[in-house]
C-alpha atoms as a PDB file:
ATOM      1  CA  MET A   1       0.000   0.000   0.000  1.00  0.00           C
ATOM      2  CA  PRO A   2       1.484   3.409  -0.973  1.00  0.00           C
ATOM      3  CA  ASP A   3       2.286   5.965   1.679  1.00  0.00           C
ATOM      4  CA  TYR A   4       0.046   8.840   0.604  1.00  0.00           C
ATOM      5  CA  GLY A   5       1.288  11.101   3.377  1.00  0.00           C
ATOM      6  CA  ASP A   6       4.820  10.842   1.997  1.00  0.00           C
ATOM      7  CA  CYS A   7       3.565  11.559  -1.540  1.00  0.00           C
ATOM      8  CA  VAL A   8       1.647  14.619  -0.383  1.00  0.00           C
ATOM      9  CA  SER A   9       4.621  15.844   1.613  1.00  0.00           C
ATOM     10  CA  ARG A  10       6.966  15.552  -1.388  1.00  0.00           C
ATOM     11  CA  TYR A  11       4.444  17.324  -3.629  1.00  0.00           C
ATOM     12  CA  LEU A  12       4.031  20.216  -1.191  1.00  0.00           C
ATOM     13  CA  ASP A  13       7.791  20.500  -0.749  1.00  0.00           C
ATOM     14  CA  SER A  14       8.151  20.814  -4.515  1.00  0.00           C
ATOM     15  CA  LYS A  15       5.630  23.681  -4.594  1.00  0.00           C
ATOM     16  CA  ILE A  16       7.088  25.812  -1.797  1.00  0.00           C
ATOM     17  CA  GLY A  17       9.524  27.545  -4.157  1.00  0.00           C
ATOM     18  CA  ASP A  18       6.707  28.331  -6.577  1.00  0.00           C
ATOM     19  CA  MET A  19       4.591  29.814  -3.790  1.00  0.00           C
ATOM     20  CA  ALA A  20       7.487  31.932  -2.513  1.00  0.00           C
ATOM     21  CA  ALA A  21       8.140  33.296  -6.005  1.00  0.00           C
ATOM     22  CA  LEU A  22       4.456  34.123  -6.464  1.00  0.00           C
ATOM     23  CA  HIS A  23       4.329  35.852  -3.073  1.00  0.00           C
ATOM     24  CA  THR A  24       7.437  37.872  -3.939  1.00  0.00           C
ATOM     25  CA  SER A  25       5.982  38.893  -7.299  1.00  0.00           C
ATOM     26  CA  ALA A  26       2.736  40.038  -5.683  1.00  0.00           C
ATOM     27  CA  ILE A  27       4.521  42.156  -3.082  1.00  0.00           C
ATOM     28  CA  ASN A  28       6.815  43.618  -5.744  1.00  0.00           C
ATOM     29  CA  ALA A  29       3.783  44.655  -7.814  1.00  0.00           C
ATOM     30  CA  GLN A  30       2.305  46.381  -4.768  1.00  0.00           C
ATOM     31  CA  VAL A  31       5.604  48.143  -4.045  1.00  0.00           C
ATOM     32  CA  GLU A  32       5.623  49.515  -7.594  1.00  0.00           C
ATOM     33  CA  LEU A  33       1.958  50.537  -7.784  1.00  0.00           C
ATOM     34  CA  GLN A  34       1.227  51.967  -4.361  1.00  0.00           C
ATOM     35  CA  PRO A  35       3.538  55.011  -4.636  1.00  0.00           C
ATOM     36  CA  GLU A  36       2.059  55.807  -8.055  1.00  0.00           C
ATOM     37  CA  MET A  37      -1.348  55.896  -6.357  1.00  0.00           C
ATOM     38  CA  ASN A  38       0.026  58.016  -3.472  1.00  0.00           C
ATOM     39  CA  ASP A  39      -0.718  55.133  -1.111  1.00  0.00           C
ATOM     40  CA  TRP A  40       2.366  55.768   0.996  1.00  0.00           C
ATOM     41  CA  ASP A  41       1.110  53.882   4.059  1.00  0.00           C
ATOM     42  CA  GLY A  42       0.337  50.851   1.885  1.00  0.00           C
ATOM     43  CA  ALA A  43       3.721  51.129   0.202  1.00  0.00           C
ATOM     44  CA  LEU A  44       5.450  51.170   3.583  1.00  0.00           C
ATOM     45  CA  GLU A  45       3.483  48.104   4.679  1.00  0.00           C
ATOM     46  CA  SER A  46       4.393  46.254   1.469  1.00  0.00           C
ATOM     47  CA  LEU A  47       8.051  47.217   1.778  1.00  0.00           C
ATOM     48  CA  ASN A  48       8.093  46.018   5.389  1.00  0.00           C
ATOM     49  CA  ALA A  49       6.744  42.662   4.198  1.00  0.00           C
ATOM     50  CA  PHE A  50       9.343  42.495   1.429  1.00  0.00           C
ATOM     51  CA  ILE A  51      12.170  43.373   3.820  1.00  0.00           C
ATOM     52  CA  ALA A  52      10.966  40.738   6.290  1.00  0.00           C
ATOM     53  CA  PHE A  53      11.097  38.208   3.453  1.00  0.00           C
ATOM     54  CA  ASP A  54      14.521  39.335   2.129  1.00  0.00           C
ATOM     55  CA  PRO A  55      16.294  41.731   4.531  1.00  0.00           C
ATOM     56  CA  ASP A  56      19.515  41.717   2.491  1.00  0.00           C
ATOM     57  CA  ASP A  57      17.980  43.384  -0.597  1.00  0.00           C
ATOM     58  CA  ASN A  58      19.245  46.974  -0.344  1.00  0.00           C
ATOM     59  CA  ARG A  59      16.901  48.217  -3.100  1.00  0.00           C
ATOM     60  CA  HIS A  60      13.913  47.770  -0.822  1.00  0.00           C
ATOM     61  CA  TRP A  61      15.583  49.533   2.077  1.00  0.00           C
ATOM     62  CA  ALA A  62      16.305  52.530  -0.175  1.00  0.00           C
ATOM     63  CA  LYS A  63      12.741  52.529  -1.488  1.00  0.00           C
ATOM     64  CA  ARG A  64      11.530  52.364   2.118  1.00  0.00           C
ATOM     65  CA  GLY A  65      13.601  55.487   2.840  1.00  0.00           C
ATOM     66  CA  GLN A  66      11.915  57.286  -0.061  1.00  0.00           C
ATOM     67  CA  VAL A  67       8.480  56.278   1.200  1.00  0.00           C
ATOM     68  CA  LEU A  68       9.303  57.460   4.725  1.00  0.00           C
ATOM     69  CA  GLU A  69      10.337  60.829   3.290  1.00  0.00           C
ATOM     70  CA  GLU A  70       7.000  61.062   1.486  1.00  0.00           C
ATOM     71  CA  LEU A  71       5.282  60.320   4.791  1.00  0.00           C
ATOM     72  CA  GLY A  72       7.105  63.257   6.377  1.00  0.00           C
ATOM     73  CA  ARG A  73       9.503  61.118   8.411  1.00  0.00           C
ATOM     74  CA  PRO A  74      12.950  62.259   7.187  1.00  0.00           C
ATOM     75  CA  ASP A  75      14.812  61.147  10.315  1.00  0.00           C
ATOM     76  CA  ASP A  76      13.458  57.605   9.953  1.00  0.00           C
ATOM     77  CA  ALA A  77      14.227  57.723   6.243  1.00  0.00           C
ATOM     78  CA  LEU A  78      17.930  58.340   6.861  1.00  0.00           C
ATOM     79  CA  THR A  79      18.369  55.029   8.635  1.00  0.00           C
ATOM     80  CA  ASN A  80      17.127  53.190   5.537  1.00  0.00           C
ATOM     81  CA  TYR A  81      19.586  54.561   2.980  1.00  0.00           C
END
């Protein structure tokens, strides 16, 4: 009798990378669109999610600094550049 639990586990493991890439793409789209719509609070929230996912990506830290400047928080912005 086949071990269905093992089969399901292997299948889900194979899909984790796909789900992570999709999640990253969705957040990236939000990061690009929200500033264009002057949704600075939403952009900051999206950037925080992106940074939590990949804290070593300096592009998102710099973009976060720009968003903080737009929100009138220049002192906070400086720590992100």
